[in-house]
PDB file of N, CA and C in Angstrom:
ATOM      1  N   UNK A   1       8.056   1.378  11.460  1.00  0.00           N
ATOM      2  CA  UNK A   1       6.853   2.317  12.138  1.00  0.00           C
ATOM      3  C   UNK A   1       5.749   1.591  12.765  1.00  0.00           C
ATOM      4  N   UNK A   2       5.557   1.990  14.039  1.00  0.00           N
ATOM      5  CA  UNK A   2       4.576   1.402  14.704  1.00  0.00           C
ATOM      6  C   UNK A   2       3.211   2.189  14.197  1.00  0.00           C
ATOM      7  N   UNK A   3       2.143   1.636  15.156  1.00  0.00           N
ATOM      8  CA  UNK A   3       0.799   1.911  14.807  1.00  0.00           C
ATOM      9  C   UNK A   3       0.687   3.442  15.289  1.00  0.00           C
ATOM     10  N   UNK A   4       1.082   4.074  16.096  1.00  0.00           N
ATOM     11  CA  UNK A   4       0.848   5.486  16.957  1.00  0.00           C
ATOM     12  C   UNK A   4       1.898   6.324  15.907  1.00  0.00           C
ATOM     13  N   UNK A   5       2.910   5.743  15.155  1.00  0.00           N
ATOM     14  CA  UNK A   5       3.531   6.884  14.278  1.00  0.00           C
ATOM     15  C   UNK A   5       2.928   6.650  12.947  1.00  0.00           C
ATOM     16  N   UNK A   6       2.349   5.616  12.570  1.00  0.00           N
ATOM     17  CA  UNK A   6       1.754   5.474  11.425  1.00  0.00           C
ATOM     18  C   UNK A   6       0.527   6.290  11.347  1.00  0.00           C
ATOM     19  N   UNK A   7      -0.082   6.097  12.539  1.00  0.00           N
ATOM     20  CA  UNK A   7      -1.303   6.973  12.707  1.00  0.00           C
ATOM     21  C   UNK A   7      -1.004   8.452  12.411  1.00  0.00           C
ATOM     22  N   UNK A   8      -0.223   9.090  12.857  1.00  0.00           N
ATOM     23  CA  UNK A   8       0.155  10.189  13.257  1.00  0.00           C
ATOM     24  C   UNK A   8       0.305  10.615  11.794  1.00  0.00           C
ATOM     25  N   UNK A   9       1.249   9.840  10.914  1.00  0.00           N
ATOM     26  CA  UNK A   9       1.532  10.078   9.474  1.00  0.00           C
ATOM     27  C   UNK A   9       0.335  10.303   8.587  1.00  0.00           C
ATOM     28  N   UNK A  10      -0.711   9.358   8.937  1.00  0.00           N
ATOM     29  CA  UNK A  10      -2.178   9.371   7.913  1.00  0.00           C
ATOM     30  C   UNK A  10      -2.567  10.827   8.441  1.00  0.00           C
ATOM     31  N   UNK A  11      -2.589  11.216   9.615  1.00  0.00           N
ATOM     32  CA  UNK A  11      -3.462  12.535   9.926  1.00  0.00           C
ATOM     33  C   UNK A  11      -2.718  13.519   9.407  1.00  0.00           C
ATOM     34  N   UNK A  12      -1.261  13.476   9.608  1.00  0.00           N
ATOM     35  CA  UNK A  12      -0.647  14.722   8.799  1.00  0.00           C
ATOM     36  C   UNK A  12      -0.579  14.544   7.548  1.00  0.00           C
ATOM     37  N   UNK A  13      -0.588  13.435   6.787  1.00  0.00           N
ATOM     38  CA  UNK A  13      -0.610  13.572   5.313  1.00  0.00           C
ATOM     39  C   UNK A  13      -2.021  13.547   4.655  1.00  0.00           C
ATOM     40  N   UNK A  14      -3.052  13.350   5.341  1.00  0.00           N
ATOM     41  CA  UNK A  14      -4.634  13.659   4.779  1.00  0.00           C
ATOM     42  C   UNK A  14      -5.012  14.771   5.428  1.00  0.00           C
ATOM     43  N   UNK A  15      -5.004  14.670   6.665  1.00  0.00           N
ATOM     44  CA  UNK A  15      -5.779  15.552   7.541  1.00  0.00           C
ATOM     45  C   UNK A  15      -5.554  17.422   6.732  1.00  0.00           C
ATOM     46  N   UNK A  16      -6.417  18.099   7.227  1.00  0.00           N
ATOM     47  CA  UNK A  16      -6.332  19.540   6.490  1.00  0.00           C
ATOM     48  C   UNK A  16      -6.164  19.700   5.073  1.00  0.00           C
ATOM     49  N   UNK A  17      -6.635  18.721   4.254  1.00  0.00           N
ATOM     50  CA  UNK A  17      -6.682  18.964   2.714  1.00  0.00           C
ATOM     51  C   UNK A  17      -8.336  18.763   2.468  1.00  0.00           C
ATOM     52  N   UNK A  18      -8.448  19.917   1.553  1.00  0.00           N
ATOM     53  CA  UNK A  18      -9.771  20.270   1.042  1.00  0.00           C
ATOM     54  C   UNK A  18     -10.372  18.888   0.656  1.00  0.00           C
ATOM     55  N   UNK A  19      -9.413  18.435  -0.402  1.00  0.00           N
ATOM     56  CA  UNK A  19      -9.606  17.391  -1.245  1.00  0.00           C
ATOM     57  C   UNK A  19      -8.923  16.396  -0.624  1.00  0.00           C
ATOM     58  N   UNK A  20      -9.619  15.086  -0.024  1.00  0.00           N
ATOM     59  CA  UNK A  20      -8.990  14.356   1.009  1.00  0.00           C
ATOM     60  C   UNK A  20      -7.873  13.519  -0.322  1.00  0.00           C
ATOM     61  N   UNK A  21      -6.668  13.748  -0.094  1.00  0.00           N
ATOM     62  CA  UNK A  21      -5.735  12.824  -0.561  1.00  0.00           C
ATOM     63  C   UNK A  21      -4.683  12.758   0.089  1.00  0.00           C
ATOM     64  N   UNK A  22      -3.377  11.666  -0.189  1.00  0.00           N
ATOM     65  CA  UNK A  22      -2.141  11.997   0.575  1.00  0.00           C
ATOM     66  C   UNK A  22      -1.458  13.144   0.267  1.00  0.00           C
ATOM     67  N   UNK A  23      -1.002  13.937   0.938  1.00  0.00           N
ATOM     68  CA  UNK A  23      -0.134  14.791   0.471  1.00  0.00           C
ATOM     69  C   UNK A  23       1.331  14.484   0.591  1.00  0.00           C
ATOM     70  N   UNK A  24       1.840  13.579  -0.376  1.00  0.00           N
ATOM     71  CA  UNK A  24       3.469  13.463  -0.333  1.00  0.00           C
ATOM     72  C   UNK A  24       4.345  14.323  -0.124  1.00  0.00           C
ATOM     73  N   UNK A  25       4.217  15.440  -0.592  1.00  0.00           N
ATOM     74  CA  UNK A  25       4.793  16.843  -0.440  1.00  0.00           C
ATOM     75  C   UNK A  25       4.985  17.109   1.209  1.00  0.00           C
ATOM     76  N   UNK A  26       3.586  17.296   1.647  1.00  0.00           N
ATOM     77  CA  UNK A  26       3.785  17.658   3.216  1.00  0.00           C
ATOM     78  C   UNK A  26       4.674  16.277   3.837  1.00  0.00           C
ATOM     79  N   UNK A  27       4.431  14.846   3.640  1.00  0.00           N
ATOM     80  CA  UNK A  27       4.978  14.132   4.118  1.00  0.00           C
ATOM     81  C   UNK A  27       6.511  14.519   3.769  1.00  0.00           C
ATOM     82  N   UNK A  28       7.104  14.425   2.987  1.00  0.00           N
ATOM     83  CA  UNK A  28       8.595  14.352   2.632  1.00  0.00           C
ATOM     84  C   UNK A  28       8.949  15.774   3.416  1.00  0.00           C
ATOM     85  N   UNK A  29       8.212  17.033   3.503  1.00  0.00           N
ATOM     86  CA  UNK A  29       8.801  18.315   4.283  1.00  0.00           C
ATOM     87  C   UNK A  29       8.678  17.810   5.830  1.00  0.00           C
ATOM     88  N   UNK A  30       8.098  16.945   6.478  1.00  0.00           N
ATOM     89  CA  UNK A  30       8.221  16.325   8.005  1.00  0.00           C
ATOM     90  C   UNK A  30       9.237  15.188   8.107  1.00  0.00           C
ATOM     91  N   UNK A  31       9.303  14.476   7.110  1.00  0.00           N
ATOM     92  CA  UNK A  31       9.982  13.379   7.619  1.00  0.00           C
ATOM     93  C   UNK A  31      11.291  13.517   6.773  1.00  0.00           C
ATOM     94  N   UNK A  32      11.621  14.211   5.897  1.00  0.00           N
ATOM     95  CA  UNK A  32      12.735  14.346   4.765  1.00  0.00           C
ATOM     96  C   UNK A  32      12.507  13.476   3.456  1.00  0.00           C
ATOM     97  N   UNK A  33      13.310  13.671   2.394  1.00  0.00           N
ATOM     98  CA  UNK A  33      13.299  12.696   1.408  1.00  0.00           C
ATOM     99  C   UNK A  33      13.299  11.425   1.428  1.00  0.00           C
ATOM    100  N   UNK A  34      14.160  10.619   1.814  1.00  0.00           N
ATOM    101  CA  UNK A  34      14.199   9.173   1.924  1.00  0.00           C
ATOM    102  C   UNK A  34      12.866   8.463   2.974  1.00  0.00           C
ATOM    103  N   UNK A  35      12.849   8.895   3.994  1.00  0.00           N
ATOM    104  CA  UNK A  35      11.954   8.388   4.976  1.00  0.00           C
ATOM    105  C   UNK A  35      10.528   9.071   4.726  1.00  0.00           C
ATOM    106  N   UNK A  36      10.352   9.926   4.373  1.00  0.00           N
ATOM    107  CA  UNK A  36       8.887  10.723   3.911  1.00  0.00           C
ATOM    108  C   UNK A  36       8.534   9.795   2.820  1.00  0.00           C
ATOM    109  N   UNK A  37       9.531   9.416   1.745  1.00  0.00           N
ATOM    110  CA  UNK A  37       8.795   8.840   0.826  1.00  0.00           C
ATOM    111  C   UNK A  37       8.358   7.320   1.306  1.00  0.00           C
ATOM    112  N   UNK A  38       9.119   6.771   2.158  1.00  0.00           N
ATOM    113  CA  UNK A  38       8.653   5.744   2.631  1.00  0.00           C
ATOM    114  C   UNK A  38       7.239   5.987   3.441  1.00  0.00           C
ATOM    115  N   UNK A  39       7.134   6.778   4.055  1.00  0.00           N
ATOM    116  CA  UNK A  39       6.209   7.059   5.033  1.00  0.00           C
ATOM    117  C   UNK A  39       4.678   6.982   4.076  1.00  0.00           C
ATOM    118  N   UNK A  40       5.056   8.189   3.071  1.00  0.00           N
ATOM    119  CA  UNK A  40       3.931   8.269   2.252  1.00  0.00           C
ATOM    120  C   UNK A  40       3.345   7.012   1.473  1.00  0.00           C
ATOM    121  N   UNK A  41       4.467   6.159   1.076  1.00  0.00           N
ATOM    122  CA  UNK A  41       3.825   5.166   0.504  1.00  0.00           C
ATOM    123  C   UNK A  41       2.933   3.901   1.167  1.00  0.00           C
ATOM    124  N   UNK A  42       3.247   4.073   2.662  1.00  0.00           N
ATOM    125  CA  UNK A  42       2.899   3.348   3.593  1.00  0.00           C
ATOM    126  C   UNK A  42       1.503   4.002   3.960  1.00  0.00           C
ATOM    127  N   UNK A  43       1.164   5.255   4.271  1.00  0.00           N
ATOM    128  CA  UNK A  43      -0.129   6.095   3.926  1.00  0.00           C
ATOM    129  C   UNK A  43      -0.630   5.534   2.757  1.00  0.00           C
ATOM    130  N   UNK A  44      -0.421   5.948   1.765  1.00  0.00           N
ATOM    131  CA  UNK A  44      -0.937   5.156   0.549  1.00  0.00           C
ATOM    132  C   UNK A  44      -1.355   3.869   0.380  1.00  0.00           C
ATOM    133  N   UNK A  45      -0.633   3.113   0.853  1.00  0.00           N
ATOM    134  CA  UNK A  45      -1.140   1.616   0.744  1.00  0.00           C
ATOM    135  C   UNK A  45      -2.104   1.628   1.724  1.00  0.00           C
ATOM    136  N   UNK A  46      -2.169   1.845   2.824  1.00  0.00           N
ATOM    137  CA  UNK A  46      -3.664   2.089   3.660  1.00  0.00           C
ATOM    138  C   UNK A  46      -4.549   2.206   3.082  1.00  0.00           C
ATOM    139  N   UNK A  47      -4.633   3.383   2.227  1.00  0.00           N
ATOM    140  CA  UNK A  47      -5.703   3.990   2.022  1.00  0.00           C
ATOM    141  C   UNK A  47      -6.150   3.171   0.334  1.00  0.00           C
ATOM    142  N   UNK A  48      -5.416   2.635  -0.270  1.00  0.00           N
ATOM    143  CA  UNK A  48      -5.862   1.805  -1.427  1.00  0.00           C
ATOM    144  C   UNK A  48      -6.210   0.261  -0.903  1.00  0.00           C
ATOM    145  N   UNK A  49      -5.348  -0.083   0.357  1.00  0.00           N
ATOM    146  CA  UNK A  49      -6.174  -1.287   0.750  1.00  0.00           C
ATOM    147  C   UNK A  49      -7.853  -1.140   1.487  1.00  0.00           C
ATOM    148  N   UNK A  50      -8.265   0.057   1.715  1.00  0.00           N
ATOM    149  CA  UNK A  50      -9.413   0.269   2.398  1.00  0.00           C
ATOM    150  C   UNK A  50     -10.160   0.687   1.118  1.00  0.00           C
ATOM    151  N   UNK A  51      -9.832   0.954   0.182  1.00  0.00           N
ATOM    152  CA  UNK A  51     -10.599   1.459  -1.108  1.00  0.00           C
ATOM    153  C   UNK A  51     -10.691   0.338  -1.940  1.00  0.00           C
ATOM    154  N   UNK A  52      -9.885  -0.851  -1.825  1.00  0.00           N
ATOM    155  CA  UNK A  52     -10.138  -2.131  -2.501  1.00  0.00           C
ATOM    156  C   UNK A  52     -11.182  -3.257  -1.686  1.00  0.00           C
ATOM    157  N   UNK A  53     -11.323  -2.623  -0.454  1.00  0.00           N
ATOM    158  CA  UNK A  53     -12.334  -3.827   0.058  1.00  0.00           C
ATOM    159  C   UNK A  53     -13.743  -3.836  -0.647  1.00  0.00           C
ATOM    160  N   UNK A  54     -14.234  -4.977  -0.643  1.00  0.00           N
ATOM    161  CA  UNK A  54     -15.367  -5.410  -1.212  1.00  0.00           C
ATOM    162  C   UNK A  54     -16.469  -4.798  -0.316  1.00  0.00           C
ATOM    163  N   UNK A  55     -17.416  -4.542  -1.016  1.00  0.00           N
ATOM    164  CA  UNK A  55     -18.474  -3.849  -0.445  1.00  0.00           C
ATOM    165  C   UNK A  55     -19.916  -4.552  -1.194  1.00  0.00           C
ATOM    166  N   UNK A  56     -21.101  -4.630  -0.449  1.00  0.00           N
ATOM    167  CA  UNK A  56     -22.315  -5.294  -0.955  1.00  0.00           C
ATOM    168  C   UNK A  56     -23.414  -3.828  -0.678  1.00  0.00           C
ATOM    169  N   UNK A  57     -23.386  -2.998  -1.788  1.00  0.00           N
ATOM    170  CA  UNK A  57     -24.066  -1.942  -1.558  1.00  0.00           C
ATOM    171  C   UNK A  57     -25.388  -2.101  -1.225  1.00  0.00           C
ATOM    172  N   UNK A  58     -26.286  -2.811  -1.897  1.00  0.00           N
ATOM    173  CA  UNK A  58     -27.571  -2.809  -1.443  1.00  0.00           C
ATOM    174  C   UNK A  58     -28.352  -1.676  -1.227  1.00  0.00           C
ATOM    175  N   UNK A  59     -28.976  -1.137  -0.561  1.00  0.00           N
ATOM    176  CA  UNK A  59     -29.308   0.267  -0.467  1.00  0.00           C
ATOM    177  C   UNK A  59     -28.597   1.121   0.425  1.00  0.00           C
ATOM    178  N   UNK A  60     -27.565   0.890   0.579  1.00  0.00           N
ATOM    179  CA  UNK A  60     -26.711   2.003   1.462  1.00  0.00           C
ATOM    180  C   UNK A  60     -26.430   3.377   0.603  1.00  0.00           C
ATOM    181  N   UNK A  61     -26.227   4.383   1.391  1.00  0.00           N
ATOM    182  CA  UNK A  61     -25.567   5.653   0.855  1.00  0.00           C
ATOM    183  C   UNK A  61     -24.297   5.464   0.892  1.00  0.00           C
ATOM    184  N   UNK A  62     -23.911   6.350   0.507  1.00  0.00           N
ATOM    185  CA  UNK A  62     -22.110   6.753   0.269  1.00  0.00           C
ATOM    186  C   UNK A  62     -21.652   6.741   1.946  1.00  0.00           C
ATOM    187  N   UNK A  63     -22.406   7.423   2.749  1.00  0.00           N
ATOM    188  CA  UNK A  63     -21.865   7.450   4.021  1.00  0.00           C
ATOM    189  C   UNK A  63     -22.038   6.022   4.618  1.00  0.00           C
ATOM    190  N   UNK A  64     -22.852   5.585   4.526  1.00  0.00           N
ATOM    191  CA  UNK A  64     -23.146   4.312   5.166  1.00  0.00           C
ATOM    192  C   UNK A  64     -22.175   3.091   4.420  1.00  0.00           C
ATOM    193  N   UNK A  65     -21.727   3.097   3.068  1.00  0.00           N
ATOM    194  CA  UNK A  65     -20.965   2.293   2.791  1.00  0.00           C
ATOM    195  C   UNK A  65     -19.340   2.641   2.996  1.00  0.00           C
ATOM    196  N   UNK A  66     -19.007   3.875   3.364  1.00  0.00           N
ATOM    197  CA  UNK A  66     -17.770   4.109   4.098  1.00  0.00           C
ATOM    198  C   UNK A  66     -17.774   3.674   5.214  1.00  0.00           C
ATOM    199  N   UNK A  67     -18.698   3.685   6.376  1.00  0.00           N
ATOM    200  CA  UNK A  67     -18.892   3.428   7.434  1.00  0.00           C
ATOM    201  C   UNK A  67     -18.686   1.969   7.502  1.00  0.00           C
ATOM    202  N   UNK A  68     -19.224   1.287   6.815  1.00  0.00           N
ATOM    203  CA  UNK A  68     -19.041  -0.338   6.727  1.00  0.00           C
ATOM    204  C   UNK A  68     -17.605  -0.786   6.430  1.00  0.00           C
ATOM    205  N   UNK A  69     -17.130  -0.124   5.408  1.00  0.00           N
ATOM    206  CA  UNK A  69     -15.697  -0.375   4.813  1.00  0.00           C
ATOM    207  C   UNK A  69     -14.890  -0.124   6.274  1.00  0.00           C
ATOM    208  N   UNK A  70     -15.160   1.119   6.952  1.00  0.00           N
ATOM    209  CA  UNK A  70     -14.059   1.584   7.766  1.00  0.00           C
ATOM    210  C   UNK A  70     -14.059   0.552   9.238  1.00  0.00           C
ATOM    211  N   UNK A  71     -15.373  -0.018   9.354  1.00  0.00           N
ATOM    212  CA  UNK A  71     -15.683  -0.762  10.561  1.00  0.00           C
ATOM    213  C   UNK A  71     -14.832  -1.941  10.185  1.00  0.00           C
ATOM    214  N   UNK A  72     -15.068  -2.574   9.346  1.00  0.00           N
ATOM    215  CA  UNK A  72     -14.168  -3.840   8.961  1.00  0.00           C
ATOM    216  C   UNK A  72     -12.656  -3.628   8.525  1.00  0.00           C
ATOM    217  N   UNK A  73     -12.202  -2.358   8.052  1.00  0.00           N
ATOM    218  CA  UNK A  73     -10.672  -1.944   8.264  1.00  0.00           C
ATOM    219  C   UNK A  73     -10.235  -1.823   9.491  1.00  0.00           C
ATOM    220  N   UNK A  74     -11.161  -1.235  10.727  1.00  0.00           N
ATOM    221  CA  UNK A  74     -10.522  -1.181  12.154  1.00  0.00           C
ATOM    222  C   UNK A  74     -10.126  -2.416  12.604  1.00  0.00           C
ATOM    223  N   UNK A  75     -10.937  -3.535  12.370  1.00  0.00           N
ATOM    224  CA  UNK A  75     -10.835  -4.943  12.912  1.00  0.00           C
ATOM    225  C   UNK A  75      -9.316  -5.544  12.161  1.00  0.00           C
ATOM    226  N   UNK A  76      -8.856  -4.920  10.716  1.00  0.00           N
ATOM    227  CA  UNK A  76      -7.830  -5.379  10.377  1.00  0.00           C
ATOM    228  C   UNK A  76      -6.279  -4.766  10.725  1.00  0.00           C
ATOM    229  N   UNK A  77      -6.726  -3.455  11.347  1.00  0.00           N
ATOM    230  CA  UNK A  77      -5.513  -2.399  11.974  1.00  0.00           C
ATOM    231  C   UNK A  77      -6.492  -1.636  12.915  1.00  0.00           C
ATOM    232  N   UNK A  78      -6.229  -2.673  14.037  1.00  0.00           N
ATOM    233  CA  UNK A  78      -6.545  -2.337  15.386  1.00  0.00           C
ATOM    234  C   UNK A  78      -6.016  -1.194  16.057  1.00  0.00           C
ATOM    235  N   UNK A  79      -4.740  -1.520  15.712  1.00  0.00           N
ATOM    236  CA  UNK A  79      -3.618  -0.325  16.252  1.00  0.00           C
ATOM    237  C   UNK A  79      -3.795   1.184  15.598  1.00  0.00           C
ATOM    238  N   UNK A  80      -4.521   1.373  14.544  1.00  0.00           N
ATOM    239  CA  UNK A  80      -4.830   2.749  13.999  1.00  0.00           C
ATOM    240  C   UNK A  80      -5.835   3.661  15.026  1.00  0.00           C
ATOM    241  N   UNK A  81      -5.448   4.732  15.310  1.00  0.00           N
ATOM    242  CA  UNK A  81      -6.249   5.904  15.944  1.00  0.00           C
ATOM    243  C   UNK A  81      -7.705   5.934  15.298  1.00  0.00           C
ATOM    244  N   UNK A  82      -8.482   6.403  15.845  1.00  0.00           N
ATOM    245  CA  UNK A  82      -9.598   6.877  15.213  1.00  0.00           C
ATOM    246  C   UNK A  82      -9.589   8.329  14.419  1.00  0.00           C
ATOM    247  N   UNK A  83      -8.609   8.799  14.584  1.00  0.00           N
ATOM    248  CA  UNK A  83      -8.312   9.966  13.677  1.00  0.00           C
ATOM    249  C   UNK A  83      -7.863   9.504  12.736  1.00  0.00           C
ATOM    250  N   UNK A  84      -6.725   8.497  12.595  1.00  0.00           N
ATOM    251  CA  UNK A  84      -6.244   7.875  11.110  1.00  0.00           C
ATOM    252  C   UNK A  84      -7.256   7.345  10.592  1.00  0.00           C
ATOM    253  N   UNK A  85      -7.999   6.492  11.078  1.00  0.00           N
ATOM    254  CA  UNK A  85      -9.357   5.942  10.479  1.00  0.00           C
ATOM    255  C   UNK A  85     -10.189   6.778   9.917  1.00  0.00           C
ATOM    256  N   UNK A  86     -10.515   8.008  10.407  1.00  0.00           N
ATOM    257  CA  UNK A  86     -11.440   8.927   9.837  1.00  0.00           C
ATOM    258  C   UNK A  86     -10.784   9.675   8.770  1.00  0.00           C
ATOM    259  N   UNK A  87      -9.424   9.867   8.599  1.00  0.00           N
ATOM    260  CA  UNK A  87      -8.701  10.520   7.335  1.00  0.00           C
ATOM    261  C   UNK A  87      -8.797   9.010   6.209  1.00  0.00           C
ATOM    262  N   UNK A  88      -8.490   8.027   6.643  1.00  0.00           N
ATOM    263  CA  UNK A  88      -8.441   7.083   5.284  1.00  0.00           C
ATOM    264  C   UNK A  88      -9.908   7.267   5.287  1.00  0.00           C
ATOM    265  N   UNK A  89     -11.067   6.958   6.014  1.00  0.00           N
ATOM    266  CA  UNK A  89     -12.328   7.071   5.503  1.00  0.00           C
ATOM    267  C   UNK A  89     -12.964   8.181   4.482  1.00  0.00           C
ATOM    268  N   UNK A  90     -12.248   9.534   4.891  1.00  0.00           N
ATOM    269  CA  UNK A  90     -12.350  10.562   3.820  1.00  0.00           C
ATOM    270  C   UNK A  90     -11.731  10.251   2.556  1.00  0.00           C
ATOM    271  N   UNK A  91     -10.610   9.881   2.540  1.00  0.00           N
ATOM    272  CA  UNK A  91      -9.808   9.575   1.089  1.00  0.00           C
ATOM    273  C   UNK A  91     -11.203   8.600   0.277  1.00  0.00           C
ATOM    274  N   UNK A  92     -11.340   7.266   1.171  1.00  0.00           N
ATOM    275  CA  UNK A  92     -12.219   6.201   0.490  1.00  0.00           C
ATOM    276  C   UNK A  92     -13.242   7.018  -0.023  1.00  0.00           C
ATOM    277  N   UNK A  93     -14.265   7.840   0.828  1.00  0.00           N
ATOM    278  CA  UNK A  93     -15.369   8.391   0.417  1.00  0.00           C
ATOM    279  C   UNK A  93     -15.451   9.320  -0.733  1.00  0.00           C
ATOM    280  N   UNK A  94     -14.469  10.109  -0.848  1.00  0.00           N
ATOM    281  CA  UNK A  94     -13.964  11.055  -1.953  1.00  0.00           C
ATOM    282  C   UNK A  94     -13.590  10.221  -3.369  1.00  0.00           C
ATOM    283  N   UNK A  95     -13.180   9.499  -3.103  1.00  0.00           N
ATOM    284  CA  UNK A  95     -12.935   8.272  -4.218  1.00  0.00           C
ATOM    285  C   UNK A  95     -13.841   7.897  -4.921  1.00  0.00           C
ATOM    286  N   UNK A  96     -15.002   7.280  -3.923  1.00  0.00           N
ATOM    287  CA  UNK A  96     -16.312   6.570  -4.270  1.00  0.00           C
ATOM    288  C   UNK A  96     -17.240   7.656  -4.897  1.00  0.00           C
ATOM    289  N   UNK A  97     -16.948   8.718  -4.553  1.00  0.00           N
ATOM    290  CA  UNK A  97     -18.320   9.623  -4.590  1.00  0.00           C
ATOM    291  C   UNK A  97     -18.219   9.820  -6.186  1.00  0.00           C
TER     292      UNK A  97
END
């Protein structure tokens, strides 16, 4: 799966959820059982990777912390779209809240 396809999967799997999370059922319905499970695993791996990044909180707010993580995450995954990065950031922010 190239970065464009992965970005689309991130947006499809996380976007439009009231509580940010990877909607595996939605990805399975879009991509089918076998491929959908793999796509969901890849999207979830990105969220987990971003969530696991170290951060020095200092006096940062939650929003500033998420922005810090996502700026660094963008350098690790430069091929992801802005929309995909925003959705991953929504998940991280929700987890951290």
